[in-house]
């Protein structure tokens, strides 16, 4: 996966972008199917 790194002086835009990325990473689906190994792989 290729991530572009860019610079902006608009703090509200930066925070919004950060929230969007973090929310996607932390979103959990199919929780009943998860086990310790699945969770550990997801953390990596």
N, C-alpha and C. Protein backbone atom coordinates (compact mmCIF):
# COMPACT_ATOMS: atom_id res chain seq x y z
N UNK A 1 0.83 -1.17 0.00
CA UNK A 1 0.00 0.00 0.00
C UNK A 1 0.89 1.24 0.00
N UNK A 2 0.61 2.15 -0.88
CA UNK A 2 1.41 3.36 -0.99
C UNK A 2 0.64 4.52 -0.38
N UNK A 3 1.26 5.20 0.57
CA UNK A 3 0.66 6.37 1.19
C UNK A 3 1.40 7.60 0.75
N UNK A 4 0.65 8.60 0.33
CA UNK A 4 1.25 9.88 0.00
C UNK A 4 1.30 10.73 1.25
N UNK A 5 2.41 11.37 1.46
CA UNK A 5 2.57 12.26 2.60
C UNK A 5 2.55 13.68 2.06
N UNK A 6 1.67 14.46 2.61
CA UNK A 6 1.58 15.83 2.15
C UNK A 6 1.58 16.77 3.36
N UNK A 7 1.77 18.03 3.09
CA UNK A 7 1.85 19.02 4.15
C UNK A 7 0.73 20.04 3.97
N UNK A 8 0.10 20.40 5.07
CA UNK A 8 -0.91 21.45 5.04
C UNK A 8 -0.83 22.24 6.34
N UNK A 9 -1.10 23.50 6.25
CA UNK A 9 -1.09 24.35 7.44
C UNK A 9 -2.50 24.52 8.00
N UNK A 10 -3.47 23.89 7.37
CA UNK A 10 -4.85 23.95 7.84
C UNK A 10 -5.06 22.83 8.86
N UNK A 11 -5.01 23.20 10.14
CA UNK A 11 -5.08 22.21 11.21
C UNK A 11 -6.40 21.45 11.21
N UNK A 12 -7.50 22.12 10.95
CA UNK A 12 -8.79 21.43 10.96
C UNK A 12 -8.86 20.37 9.86
N UNK A 13 -8.28 20.65 8.72
CA UNK A 13 -8.23 19.66 7.63
C UNK A 13 -7.35 18.47 8.02
N UNK A 14 -6.23 18.76 8.66
CA UNK A 14 -5.33 17.69 9.10
C UNK A 14 -5.99 16.78 10.14
N UNK A 15 -6.67 17.39 11.10
CA UNK A 15 -7.35 16.61 12.14
C UNK A 15 -8.47 15.78 11.53
N UNK A 16 -9.21 16.36 10.61
CA UNK A 16 -10.28 15.63 9.95
C UNK A 16 -9.75 14.42 9.18
N UNK A 17 -8.66 14.62 8.47
CA UNK A 17 -8.04 13.53 7.72
C UNK A 17 -7.54 12.43 8.67
N UNK A 18 -6.93 12.83 9.76
CA UNK A 18 -6.44 11.88 10.76
C UNK A 18 -7.60 11.08 11.35
N UNK A 19 -8.69 11.74 11.71
CA UNK A 19 -9.85 11.06 12.27
C UNK A 19 -10.40 10.04 11.28
N UNK A 20 -10.46 10.42 10.02
CA UNK A 20 -10.97 9.52 8.99
C UNK A 20 -10.13 8.26 8.89
N UNK A 21 -8.81 8.42 8.87
CA UNK A 21 -7.90 7.26 8.78
C UNK A 21 -7.99 6.38 10.02
N UNK A 22 -7.98 6.97 11.20
CA UNK A 22 -7.99 6.21 12.44
C UNK A 22 -9.32 5.48 12.60
N UNK A 23 -10.43 6.12 12.25
CA UNK A 23 -11.74 5.48 12.37
C UNK A 23 -11.81 4.23 11.51
N UNK A 24 -11.26 4.28 10.31
CA UNK A 24 -11.27 3.10 9.44
C UNK A 24 -10.45 1.96 10.03
N UNK A 25 -9.33 2.29 10.63
CA UNK A 25 -8.45 1.26 11.20
C UNK A 25 -9.09 0.62 12.43
N UNK A 26 -9.78 1.41 13.24
CA UNK A 26 -10.34 0.90 14.49
C UNK A 26 -11.71 0.25 14.34
N UNK A 27 -12.31 0.35 13.18
CA UNK A 27 -13.64 -0.21 12.97
C UNK A 27 -13.60 -1.74 13.05
N UNK A 28 -14.43 -2.28 13.88
CA UNK A 28 -14.48 -3.73 14.07
C UNK A 28 -15.76 -4.28 13.44
N UNK A 29 -15.61 -5.36 12.71
CA UNK A 29 -16.77 -6.03 12.11
C UNK A 29 -16.69 -7.52 12.42
N UNK A 30 -17.82 -8.19 12.37
CA UNK A 30 -17.90 -9.64 12.63
C UNK A 30 -17.23 -10.02 13.94
N UNK A 31 -17.50 -9.29 14.99
CA UNK A 31 -16.87 -9.51 16.28
C UNK A 31 -17.05 -10.94 16.80
N UNK A 32 -18.22 -11.57 16.65
CA UNK A 32 -18.36 -12.95 17.16
C UNK A 32 -17.38 -13.95 16.51
N UNK A 33 -16.90 -13.65 15.32
CA UNK A 33 -15.99 -14.57 14.61
C UNK A 33 -14.53 -14.36 15.02
N UNK A 34 -14.25 -13.34 15.79
CA UNK A 34 -12.88 -13.02 16.15
C UNK A 34 -12.39 -13.90 17.28
N UNK A 35 -11.09 -14.13 17.30
CA UNK A 35 -10.43 -14.82 18.40
C UNK A 35 -9.11 -14.11 18.68
N UNK A 36 -8.33 -14.61 19.57
CA UNK A 36 -7.08 -13.96 19.93
C UNK A 36 -6.11 -13.82 18.76
N UNK A 37 -6.02 -14.84 17.92
CA UNK A 37 -5.09 -14.79 16.79
C UNK A 37 -5.53 -13.74 15.77
N UNK A 38 -6.83 -13.68 15.50
CA UNK A 38 -7.34 -12.70 14.55
C UNK A 38 -7.06 -11.29 15.05
N UNK A 39 -7.28 -11.07 16.34
CA UNK A 39 -7.05 -9.76 16.92
C UNK A 39 -5.57 -9.39 16.85
N UNK A 40 -4.71 -10.34 17.15
CA UNK A 40 -3.27 -10.09 17.11
C UNK A 40 -2.81 -9.73 15.69
N UNK A 41 -3.32 -10.44 14.70
CA UNK A 41 -2.97 -10.15 13.31
C UNK A 41 -3.46 -8.75 12.91
N UNK A 42 -4.64 -8.41 13.38
CA UNK A 42 -5.21 -7.10 13.06
C UNK A 42 -4.37 -5.97 13.68
N UNK A 43 -3.85 -6.20 14.87
CA UNK A 43 -3.03 -5.18 15.53
C UNK A 43 -1.76 -4.89 14.75
N UNK A 44 -1.19 -5.94 14.14
CA UNK A 44 0.06 -5.77 13.38
C UNK A 44 -0.22 -4.92 12.18
